[in-house]
Amino acid sequence: MHVELPIASFIAAAIVLVPLPWHWRARNVPTLSIIAWLFLSNVIYGVNAIIWANNVRIVVPVWCDITTKLQIGATISLPACCLCLCIHLERIASVRQVSSSHQDKRRRMLFDCCMCWGIPIIYMALHYIVQGHRFDIVETLGCRPAIYTSIQSVFIVWVPPLLIVVLTLIFAGLALHHFLERRITFARHLRDSNSALTVSVYFRLISMSIVQMVWGSVVIAVNVWFTCRTGLRPWISWADVHFNFSRVGLFPIAFLPPSTLSPLYFSWWTIPASSLLFFIFFAFGQDAMKEYRSCFVWIKKTIFRRKPTEFKRSLDTRYISFA
């Protein structure tokens, strides 16, 4: 059993929750959505690694039906969230948004929800077009989404996230350009735009988006290569692609060559790696340190709320009563 897989997944699920309190107070929908998708993906991967450790039994098929769709949604969710974030940051850094009213914030929140959750839902629905059978089960890694490898699957599964990655990098570049143009007066510009952002948080958000998208483009390229390396299959008809749809592909490790296992493990580790990148960008900033200090003070007041003299007086009273 690869015990490192569930341990890494659950640790990654825990660390992405560390920046949750201050992003929740800021009502930052894109970053909250990134946290939610990464947390959900890590939990799914960790549970899968436990259930299918050293076996390929079909024990919880409904779980696989649900989680494989969520895995498909997670493929595009991170690029969509980062694109949404960079659009907002570029608008703030430009002169197009001088102030933000309550109505503007409501419209932006609706747009953010559509981008961060609506696009993945549509993407999950479109996956059914190229879903050749129910799902696959790989020993140790658990259930994986099934894809009928064809030119249609390239355009439906891989082109959309890659296109969103490119758009995210464009908006991130524009936001950085505006930031460098106004770097001297940028803090005042943020105050004038009625934004809760600071210069350091703004720069961390932009940097995180760029790093995540560069990393995401590498992941997409590897997945496309792994999926299409044996060639594309012909699309004869809908009935042919979905023939025997209820079939479940079972793949014991003993029958998988290293050339197949290595990309599968790489694909699995991309989720914990993305979680670690997110944690690095937000766990050591000023907001994080302020949150840690507040948490430490709360723990100190809660656990050590009695003063030493009061604690000693309490012990003396108990001793006299006992005597």
Protein backbone atom coordinates (compact mmCIF):
# COMPACT_ATOMS: atom_id res chain seq x y z
CA MET A 1 0.00 0.00 0.00
CA HIS A 2 1.28 3.47 -0.93
CA VAL A 3 0.54 5.12 2.41
CA GLU A 4 2.09 8.37 1.20
CA LEU A 5 -0.80 8.96 -1.20
CA PRO A 6 -3.68 9.38 1.29
CA ILE A 7 -1.38 11.14 3.79
CA ALA A 8 -0.30 13.68 1.15
CA SER A 9 -3.90 14.19 0.01
CA PHE A 10 -5.30 14.86 3.46
CA ILE A 11 -2.38 17.14 4.41
CA ALA A 12 -2.92 19.08 1.17
CA ALA A 13 -6.65 19.28 1.93
CA ALA A 14 -5.83 20.73 5.36
CA ILE A 15 -3.29 23.33 4.25
CA VAL A 16 -5.56 24.86 1.59
CA LEU A 17 -7.99 25.71 4.40
CA VAL A 18 -5.38 27.81 6.23
CA PRO A 19 -6.06 31.03 4.20
CA LEU A 20 -9.84 30.45 4.31
CA PRO A 21 -10.76 32.89 7.17
CA TRP A 22 -9.38 36.10 5.65
CA HIS A 23 -10.56 35.23 2.12
CA TRP A 24 -14.00 34.53 3.57
CA ARG A 25 -14.08 37.93 5.28
CA ALA A 26 -13.03 39.58 2.01
CA ARG A 27 -15.82 37.67 0.17
CA ASN A 28 -13.31 36.81 -2.55
CA VAL A 29 -15.30 34.30 -4.60
CA PRO A 30 -12.46 33.17 -6.95
CA THR A 31 -10.01 32.37 -4.13
CA LEU A 32 -12.77 30.76 -2.05
CA SER A 33 -13.67 28.64 -5.09
CA ILE A 34 -10.03 27.63 -5.57
CA ILE A 35 -9.94 26.53 -1.93
CA ALA A 36 -13.19 24.58 -2.33
CA TRP A 37 -12.12 22.79 -5.53
CA LEU A 38 -8.65 21.92 -4.21
CA PHE A 39 -10.04 20.72 -0.89
CA LEU A 40 -12.68 18.58 -2.63
CA SER A 41 -10.16 17.11 -5.09
CA ASN A 42 -7.68 16.22 -2.34
CA VAL A 43 -10.35 14.54 -0.23
CA ILE A 44 -11.51 12.51 -3.25
CA TYR A 45 -7.96 11.44 -4.05
CA GLY A 46 -7.26 10.52 -0.42
CA VAL A 47 -10.42 8.43 -0.06
CA ASN A 48 -9.73 6.72 -3.38
CA ALA A 49 -6.19 5.83 -2.30
CA ILE A 50 -7.59 4.20 0.86
CA ILE A 51 -10.48 2.31 -0.75
CA TRP A 52 -8.50 0.95 -3.71
CA ALA A 53 -5.22 0.21 -1.97
CA ASN A 54 -3.96 -3.05 -3.58
CA ASN A 55 -7.31 -3.86 -5.23
CA VAL A 56 -9.54 -2.99 -8.18
CA ARG A 57 -12.86 -4.15 -6.76
CA ILE A 58 -16.02 -2.27 -7.72
CA VAL A 59 -17.13 -1.54 -4.17
CA VAL A 60 -18.72 1.92 -4.36
CA PRO A 61 -19.80 2.55 -7.97
CA VAL A 62 -22.02 5.53 -7.14
CA TRP A 63 -19.07 7.23 -5.42
CA CYS A 64 -17.07 6.77 -8.63
CA ASP A 65 -19.91 8.12 -10.79
CA ILE A 66 -19.95 11.32 -8.74
CA THR A 67 -16.24 11.81 -8.09
CA THR A 68 -15.11 11.15 -11.66
CA LYS A 69 -17.38 13.96 -12.82
CA LEU A 70 -15.94 16.21 -10.11
CA GLN A 71 -12.44 15.29 -11.26
CA ILE A 72 -13.40 16.41 -14.76
CA GLY A 73 -14.79 19.66 -13.34
CA ALA A 74 -11.60 20.25 -11.36
CA THR A 75 -9.62 20.15 -14.61
CA ILE A 76 -11.13 23.45 -15.71
CA SER A 77 -12.12 24.95 -12.35
CA LEU A 78 -8.66 26.21 -11.32
CA PRO A 79 -8.00 27.97 -14.67
CA ALA A 80 -11.54 29.43 -14.60
CA CYS A 81 -11.08 30.75 -11.05
CA CYS A 82 -7.71 32.28 -11.88
CA LEU A 83 -9.13 33.87 -15.05
CA CYS A 84 -11.97 35.36 -13.03
CA LEU A 85 -9.48 36.67 -10.47
CA CYS A 86 -7.18 38.21 -13.08
CA ILE A 87 -10.10 39.91 -14.88
CA HIS A 88 -11.02 41.61 -11.62
CA LEU A 89 -7.42 42.55 -10.79
CA GLU A 90 -6.86 43.98 -14.26
CA ARG A 91 -10.04 46.06 -13.96
CA ILE A 92 -8.93 47.45 -10.59
CA ALA A 93 -5.42 48.29 -11.81
CA SER A 94 -6.72 50.07 -14.93
CA VAL A 95 -8.52 53.39 -14.94
CA ARG A 96 -11.79 51.74 -15.97
CA GLN A 97 -12.87 51.12 -12.35
CA VAL A 98 -12.45 54.19 -10.17
CA SER A 99 -14.95 53.15 -7.51
CA SER A 100 -17.06 50.10 -6.71
CA SER A 101 -20.68 50.44 -5.61
CA HIS A 102 -22.82 47.84 -3.88
CA GLN A 103 -24.53 47.05 -7.19
CA ASP A 104 -21.15 46.56 -8.88
CA LYS A 105 -20.09 44.14 -6.14
CA ARG A 106 -23.29 42.12 -6.58
CA ARG A 107 -22.79 41.91 -10.35
CA ARG A 108 -19.18 40.92 -9.86
CA MET A 109 -20.14 38.19 -7.36
CA LEU A 110 -22.72 36.79 -9.81
CA PHE A 111 -20.12 36.82 -12.59
CA ASP A 112 -17.58 35.12 -10.30
CA CYS A 113 -20.04 32.35 -9.38
CA CYS A 114 -20.86 31.72 -13.05
CA MET A 115 -17.17 31.54 -13.94
CA CYS A 116 -15.98 29.47 -10.99
CA TRP A 117 -18.93 27.04 -10.81
CA GLY A 118 -21.06 27.43 -13.94
CA ILE A 119 -18.22 26.73 -16.39
CA PRO A 120 -17.11 23.52 -14.57
CA ILE A 121 -20.73 22.28 -14.47
CA ILE A 122 -21.12 22.83 -18.23
CA TYR A 123 -17.73 21.20 -18.80
CA MET A 124 -18.78 18.15 -16.75
CA ALA A 125 -21.96 17.85 -18.81
CA LEU A 126 -20.03 18.07 -22.11
CA HIS A 127 -17.70 15.30 -20.94
CA TYR A 128 -20.54 12.80 -21.46
CA ILE A 129 -20.17 13.28 -25.23
CA VAL A 130 -16.73 11.63 -25.16
CA GLN A 131 -17.30 9.34 -22.16
CA GLY A 132 -16.88 5.93 -23.74
CA HIS A 133 -17.86 3.95 -20.64
CA ARG A 134 -18.84 4.45 -17.02
CA PHE A 135 -15.40 4.91 -15.41
CA ASP A 136 -12.02 3.25 -14.84
CA ILE A 137 -10.50 1.90 -11.63
CA VAL A 138 -6.71 1.95 -11.33
CA GLU A 139 -5.23 -0.01 -8.46
CA THR A 140 -3.95 2.29 -5.68
CA LEU A 141 -5.22 5.46 -7.43
CA GLY A 142 -8.91 4.57 -7.47
CA CYS A 143 -11.61 5.58 -9.92
CA ARG A 144 -10.72 7.76 -12.87
CA PRO A 145 -12.91 9.39 -15.55
CA ALA A 146 -13.20 7.53 -18.86
CA ILE A 147 -12.49 9.42 -22.09
CA TYR A 148 -12.96 8.10 -25.62
CA THR A 149 -9.70 9.31 -27.20
CA SER A 150 -10.66 11.06 -30.44
CA ILE A 151 -10.40 14.45 -32.11
CA GLN A 152 -13.71 15.32 -30.41
CA SER A 153 -12.25 14.62 -26.96
CA VAL A 154 -9.27 16.87 -27.73
CA PHE A 155 -11.54 19.83 -28.48
CA ILE A 156 -14.04 19.10 -25.68
CA VAL A 157 -11.74 18.03 -22.84
CA TRP A 158 -8.34 19.64 -23.46
CA VAL A 159 -8.80 22.75 -25.61
CA PRO A 160 -11.16 24.65 -23.22
CA PRO A 161 -8.84 24.60 -20.16
CA LEU A 162 -5.85 25.44 -22.35
CA LEU A 163 -7.73 28.38 -23.86
CA ILE A 164 -8.66 29.62 -20.37
CA VAL A 165 -5.01 29.31 -19.30
CA VAL A 166 -3.94 31.53 -22.22
CA LEU A 167 -6.64 34.11 -21.41
CA THR A 168 -5.60 34.10 -17.75
CA LEU A 169 -1.98 34.77 -18.64
CA ILE A 170 -3.06 37.64 -20.94
CA PHE A 171 -5.15 39.31 -18.22
CA ALA A 172 -2.41 38.70 -15.64
CA GLY A 173 0.10 40.36 -17.96
CA LEU A 174 -2.21 43.36 -18.44
CA ALA A 175 -2.74 43.62 -14.68
CA LEU A 176 1.02 43.57 -14.08
CA HIS A 177 1.48 46.22 -16.77
CA HIS A 178 -1.03 48.52 -15.04
CA PHE A 179 0.60 47.75 -11.68
CA LEU A 180 4.06 48.77 -12.93
CA GLU A 181 2.65 51.92 -14.54
CA ARG A 182 1.06 53.05 -11.26
CA ARG A 183 3.42 51.44 -8.76
CA ILE A 184 4.08 54.77 -7.01
CA THR A 185 0.41 55.75 -6.57
CA PHE A 186 -1.04 52.23 -6.63
CA ALA A 187 -1.88 52.06 -2.90
CA ARG A 188 -3.89 55.29 -3.18
CA HIS A 189 -5.56 53.99 -6.33
CA LEU A 190 -6.68 50.86 -4.44
CA ARG A 191 -8.19 53.03 -1.70
CA ASP A 192 -9.95 55.21 -4.28
CA SER A 193 -11.42 52.14 -5.96
CA ASN A 194 -12.96 51.08 -2.62
CA SER A 195 -11.10 47.77 -2.75
CA ALA A 196 -10.24 45.63 0.26
CA LEU A 197 -6.97 44.66 -1.45
CA THR A 198 -3.55 45.84 -0.40
CA VAL A 199 -0.54 46.11 -2.70
CA SER A 200 1.06 42.98 -1.23
CA VAL A 201 -2.15 40.94 -1.51
CA TYR A 202 -2.68 42.20 -5.08
CA PHE A 203 0.83 41.17 -6.08
CA ARG A 204 0.46 37.75 -4.41
CA LEU A 205 -2.82 37.11 -6.24
CA ILE A 206 -1.27 37.99 -9.59
CA SER A 207 1.85 35.91 -8.90
CA MET A 208 -0.21 32.93 -7.74
CA SER A 209 -2.36 33.07 -10.88
CA ILE A 210 0.67 33.20 -13.19
CA VAL A 211 2.50 30.36 -11.42
CA GLN A 212 -0.64 28.20 -11.27
CA MET A 213 -1.35 28.74 -14.97
CA VAL A 214 2.23 27.97 -16.04
CA TRP A 215 2.07 24.84 -13.90
CA GLY A 216 -1.40 24.07 -15.29
CA SER A 217 -0.22 24.35 -18.90
CA VAL A 218 2.52 21.80 -18.15
CA VAL A 219 -0.04 19.46 -16.58
CA ILE A 220 -2.41 19.81 -19.55
CA ALA A 221 0.42 19.19 -22.03
CA VAL A 222 1.47 16.01 -20.20
CA ASN A 223 -2.11 14.76 -20.00
CA VAL A 224 -2.71 15.42 -23.71
CA TRP A 225 0.49 13.58 -24.59
CA PHE A 226 -0.39 10.64 -22.35
CA THR A 227 -3.95 10.43 -23.69
CA CYS A 228 -3.09 10.76 -27.37
CA ARG A 229 0.29 8.99 -27.53
CA THR A 230 -1.22 5.78 -28.91
CA GLY A 231 -3.19 7.68 -31.54
CA LEU A 232 -6.73 8.94 -31.89
CA ARG A 233 -9.64 6.56 -32.35
CA PRO A 234 -12.20 7.14 -35.11
CA TRP A 235 -15.56 8.66 -34.24
CA ILE A 236 -17.96 6.35 -36.08
CA SER A 237 -21.21 7.24 -34.35
CA TRP A 238 -22.73 8.14 -30.99
CA ALA A 239 -23.96 4.56 -30.55
CA ASP A 240 -20.49 3.17 -31.27
CA VAL A 241 -18.75 5.48 -28.78
CA HIS A 242 -21.28 4.75 -26.02
CA PHE A 243 -21.63 1.04 -26.73
CA ASN A 244 -21.66 -1.03 -23.51
CA PHE A 245 -21.59 2.23 -21.55
CA SER A 246 -22.06 0.54 -18.16
CA ARG A 247 -18.67 -1.18 -18.49
CA VAL A 248 -16.03 -0.39 -15.85
CA GLY A 249 -12.36 -0.57 -16.84
CA LEU A 250 -10.20 -2.36 -14.25
CA PHE A 251 -6.43 -1.81 -14.29
CA PRO A 252 -4.26 -3.72 -11.77
CA ILE A 253 -0.79 -2.24 -11.36
CA ALA A 254 0.84 -5.58 -12.20
CA PHE A 255 -0.49 -5.31 -15.75
CA LEU A 256 0.45 -1.66 -16.32
CA PRO A 257 3.88 -0.87 -17.82
CA PRO A 258 6.03 1.85 -16.25
CA SER A 259 5.40 4.09 -19.28
CA THR A 260 1.72 4.12 -18.29
CA LEU A 261 2.14 4.23 -14.51
CA SER A 262 4.48 7.23 -14.46
CA PRO A 263 2.04 9.65 -16.17
CA LEU A 264 -0.80 8.34 -13.98
CA TYR A 265 1.17 9.05 -10.79
CA PHE A 266 2.23 12.44 -12.18
CA SER A 267 -1.41 13.32 -12.86
CA TRP A 268 -2.33 12.23 -9.33
CA TRP A 269 0.37 14.34 -7.65
CA THR A 270 -0.61 17.49 -9.56
CA ILE A 271 -3.51 18.17 -7.17
CA PRO A 272 -1.42 18.10 -3.95
CA ALA A 273 1.27 20.11 -5.76
CA SER A 274 -1.26 22.78 -6.80
CA SER A 275 -2.51 22.89 -3.20
CA LEU A 276 1.03 23.40 -1.93
CA LEU A 277 1.59 26.26 -4.38
CA PHE A 278 -1.60 27.95 -3.21
CA PHE A 279 -0.56 27.51 0.43
CA ILE A 280 2.90 28.98 -0.18
CA PHE A 281 1.50 32.17 -1.69
CA PHE A 282 -1.00 32.88 1.09
CA ALA A 283 0.30 31.23 4.27
CA PHE A 284 3.20 33.62 4.96
CA GLY A 285 1.79 37.06 4.13
CA GLN A 286 0.88 39.86 6.53
CA ASP A 287 -2.76 38.76 6.68
CA ALA A 288 -1.68 35.23 7.54
CA MET A 289 0.67 36.39 10.28
CA LYS A 290 -2.07 38.59 11.76
CA GLU A 291 -4.44 35.61 11.70
CA TYR A 292 -1.85 33.36 13.37
CA ARG A 293 -1.30 35.94 16.12
CA SER A 294 -5.04 36.26 16.71
CA CYS A 295 -5.38 32.47 16.87
CA PHE A 296 -2.46 32.25 19.30
CA VAL A 297 -3.97 34.94 21.54
CA TRP A 298 -7.35 33.16 21.50
CA ILE A 299 -5.74 29.83 22.42
CA LYS A 300 -3.73 31.51 25.15
CA LYS A 301 -6.81 33.19 26.62
CA THR A 302 -8.92 30.04 26.34
CA ILE A 303 -6.49 27.46 27.70
CA PHE A 304 -4.49 29.66 30.06
CA ARG A 305 -7.30 32.06 30.98
CA ARG A 306 -6.51 31.85 34.75
CA LYS A 307 -3.75 33.98 36.11
CA PRO A 308 -0.95 32.12 37.99
CA THR A 309 -2.02 33.61 41.34
CA GLU A 310 -5.63 32.52 40.79
CA PHE A 311 -4.46 29.03 39.78
CA LYS A 312 -2.29 28.79 42.95
CA ARG A 313 -5.16 30.05 45.14
CA SER A 314 -7.45 27.41 43.64
CA LEU A 315 -4.91 24.66 44.43
CA ASP A 316 -4.51 25.94 48.02
CA THR A 317 -8.30 25.93 48.54
CA ARG A 318 -8.57 22.36 47.26
CA TYR A 319 -5.71 21.28 49.55
CA ILE A 320 -7.29 22.88 52.65
CA SER A 321 -10.67 21.28 51.83
CA PHE A 322 -9.04 17.90 51.45
CA ALA A 323 -7.14 18.29 54.77
